[in-house]
Amino acid sequence: MTEHLCGDLWIVYAIDRPETVDTLACDSETIAGVSVGELRALAVENLKRILPEVERHGDGPWYLLTAGADYVASLLLFDELWNQLVETVDGDVVATVPTRDVLLYTGSHSVSGLSAIRERSVALANSGPHSISDSLILRESGRWTIFEAN
């Protein structure tokens, strides 16, 4: 069970069990009685219950978010978090999730911030364990899209 977020980023729905993580099959939603439309909201609520507190690191213009180790990339799905964090940057939020435990962000108007997260994202995605993507994504009107530098 997957859902396209943007660019090369996908949401993979899974059940986190004590010994394993099992991905949901497409027919799992029917068995569980959850519609596709309800699935993301349910997953986000479950993540909020299991994730440690979100912490922001850095003095700007770019920042690192942490919340445990395994599901940091999933913070992209926390709308209220991004509604708050947009106030900490110059312009719209631009983020990247090079590995499952690293989420970097800056403002769309920060040349030095964009350069810093781009450089770190490429390096981590190419060398880190559990690589996801070196794409930069833009948060605009409550949605993520691929960031196109001017």
Protein backbone atom coordinates (compact mmCIF):
# COMPACT_ATOMS: atom_id res chain seq x y z
CA MET A 1 0.00 0.00 0.00
CA THR A 2 1.67 3.19 -1.18
CA GLU A 3 0.70 6.76 -1.95
CA HIS A 4 2.68 9.20 -4.07
CA LEU A 5 3.83 12.27 -2.09
CA CYS A 6 5.78 14.13 -4.81
CA GLY A 7 8.70 13.58 -7.17
CA ASP A 8 10.49 10.39 -6.17
CA LEU A 9 8.95 10.32 -2.68
CA TRP A 10 6.31 7.77 -1.75
CA ILE A 11 4.39 7.06 1.44
CA VAL A 12 4.60 3.37 2.34
CA TYR A 13 1.97 2.19 4.79
CA ALA A 14 3.11 -0.41 7.29
CA ILE A 15 2.46 -1.95 10.67
CA ASP A 16 5.32 -1.55 13.14
CA ARG A 17 5.41 -4.76 15.14
CA PRO A 18 7.85 -5.48 18.01
CA GLU A 19 10.08 -7.70 15.86
CA THR A 20 9.28 -6.60 12.29
CA VAL A 21 7.75 -3.93 10.12
CA ASP A 22 5.11 -5.35 7.78
CA THR A 23 3.98 -3.32 4.79
CA LEU A 24 0.27 -3.27 4.07
CA ALA A 25 -1.01 -5.01 0.98
CA CYS A 26 -3.51 -3.15 -1.19
CA ASP A 27 -6.37 -5.33 0.09
CA SER A 28 -5.38 -4.74 3.74
CA GLU A 29 -7.45 -1.56 3.87
CA THR A 30 -10.61 -3.46 3.02
CA ILE A 31 -9.93 -6.00 5.75
CA ALA A 32 -9.23 -3.32 8.33
CA GLY A 33 -12.31 -1.32 7.29
CA VAL A 34 -10.29 1.82 6.56
CA SER A 35 -10.81 3.67 3.30
CA VAL A 36 -7.92 5.04 1.27
CA GLY A 37 -9.03 8.55 2.21
CA GLU A 38 -8.84 7.75 5.93
CA LEU A 39 -5.57 5.84 5.80
CA ARG A 40 -3.15 8.79 5.86
CA ALA A 41 -4.94 10.49 8.78
CA LEU A 42 -4.92 7.24 10.75
CA ALA A 43 -1.24 6.65 9.98
CA VAL A 44 -0.31 10.18 11.07
CA GLU A 45 -2.22 9.80 14.34
CA ASN A 46 -0.46 6.49 15.00
CA LEU A 47 2.93 8.05 14.23
CA LYS A 48 2.24 10.88 16.66
CA ARG A 49 1.65 8.28 19.38
CA ILE A 50 4.89 6.35 18.81
CA LEU A 51 7.38 9.05 17.81
CA PRO A 52 9.47 10.83 20.43
CA GLU A 53 9.08 14.60 20.63
CA VAL A 54 10.17 16.44 17.48
CA GLU A 55 13.32 18.50 18.06
CA ARG A 56 14.75 21.22 15.86
CA HIS A 57 18.53 21.62 15.68
CA GLY A 58 20.52 24.47 14.17
CA ASP A 59 20.74 28.24 14.30
CA GLY A 60 19.56 28.90 10.76
CA PRO A 61 19.26 29.46 7.96
CA TRP A 62 18.87 25.67 7.72
CA TYR A 63 17.74 23.16 10.33
CA LEU A 64 17.72 19.45 11.15
CA LEU A 65 14.64 17.78 12.65
CA THR A 66 14.88 14.70 14.84
CA ALA A 67 12.26 12.41 16.37
CA GLY A 68 13.87 9.09 17.14
CA ALA A 69 15.64 7.25 14.36
CA ASP A 70 13.30 5.21 12.19
CA TYR A 71 10.49 7.47 11.01
CA VAL A 72 11.89 11.00 10.86
CA ALA A 73 11.09 11.24 7.13
CA SER A 74 7.43 10.71 8.05
CA LEU A 75 7.40 14.15 9.66
CA LEU A 76 6.70 15.44 6.15
CA LEU A 77 3.11 14.27 6.77
CA PHE A 78 2.57 16.42 9.90
CA ASP A 79 0.72 19.42 8.46
CA GLU A 80 0.51 21.37 11.73
CA LEU A 81 4.28 21.02 12.23
CA TRP A 82 5.00 22.63 8.85
CA ASN A 83 2.41 25.34 9.48
CA GLN A 84 4.50 26.32 12.52
CA LEU A 85 7.96 25.83 10.99
CA VAL A 86 7.27 28.08 8.00
CA GLU A 87 7.59 30.97 10.46
CA THR A 88 11.23 30.00 11.14
CA VAL A 89 12.45 30.41 7.55
CA ASP A 90 12.74 33.05 4.84
CA GLY A 91 10.11 32.21 2.23
CA ASP A 92 8.33 28.87 1.90
CA VAL A 93 9.74 25.71 3.49
CA VAL A 94 12.10 23.63 1.35
CA ALA A 95 12.94 20.22 2.82
CA THR A 96 14.83 17.06 2.00
CA VAL A 97 14.86 13.53 3.45
CA PRO A 98 18.10 11.90 2.30
CA THR A 99 17.73 9.01 4.79
CA ARG A 100 14.93 7.76 7.00
CA ASP A 101 16.45 9.42 10.08
CA VAL A 102 17.44 12.80 8.58
CA LEU A 103 15.12 15.65 7.64
CA LEU A 104 16.68 18.99 6.70
CA TYR A 105 14.82 22.18 5.87
CA THR A 106 15.37 25.84 5.05
CA GLY A 107 13.57 28.73 3.38
CA SER A 108 13.01 29.08 -0.35
CA HIS A 109 14.63 32.56 -0.29
CA SER A 110 17.79 31.46 1.56
CA VAL A 111 20.58 30.90 -0.96
CA SER A 112 23.01 29.67 1.71
CA GLY A 113 20.36 27.45 3.35
CA LEU A 114 19.40 25.87 0.03
CA SER A 115 23.05 25.25 -0.84
CA ALA A 116 23.71 23.68 2.58
CA ILE A 117 20.76 21.26 2.55
CA ARG A 118 21.35 20.35 -1.11
CA GLU A 119 25.00 19.50 -0.43
CA ARG A 120 24.26 17.49 2.72
CA SER A 121 21.31 15.71 1.15
CA VAL A 122 23.34 14.48 -1.83
CA ALA A 123 26.19 13.31 0.42
CA LEU A 124 23.88 11.47 2.85
CA ALA A 125 21.66 9.92 0.19
CA ASN A 126 24.74 8.56 -1.59
CA SER A 127 26.50 7.23 1.49
CA GLY A 128 24.07 6.87 4.39
CA PRO A 129 22.20 3.76 5.43
CA HIS A 130 18.50 3.65 4.58
CA SER A 131 18.74 6.20 1.75
CA ILE A 132 15.53 7.80 0.57
CA SER A 133 16.10 10.77 -1.77
CA ASP A 134 18.28 13.79 -2.40
CA SER A 135 15.35 15.73 -3.90
CA LEU A 136 14.48 19.13 -2.50
CA ILE A 137 10.76 19.60 -1.99
CA LEU A 138 8.70 22.75 -1.47
CA ARG A 139 5.80 23.14 0.97
CA GLU A 140 3.23 25.40 -0.62
CA SER A 141 -0.49 25.73 0.13
CA GLY A 142 -0.36 22.68 2.42
CA ARG A 143 1.19 20.36 -0.19
CA TRP A 144 4.66 19.15 -1.11
CA THR A 145 5.98 19.59 -4.66
CA ILE A 146 9.42 19.29 -6.21
CA PHE A 147 11.42 22.46 -5.60
CA GLU A 148 12.44 24.15 -8.82
CA ALA A 149 15.26 26.62 -8.12
CA ASN A 150 14.90 29.90 -9.98
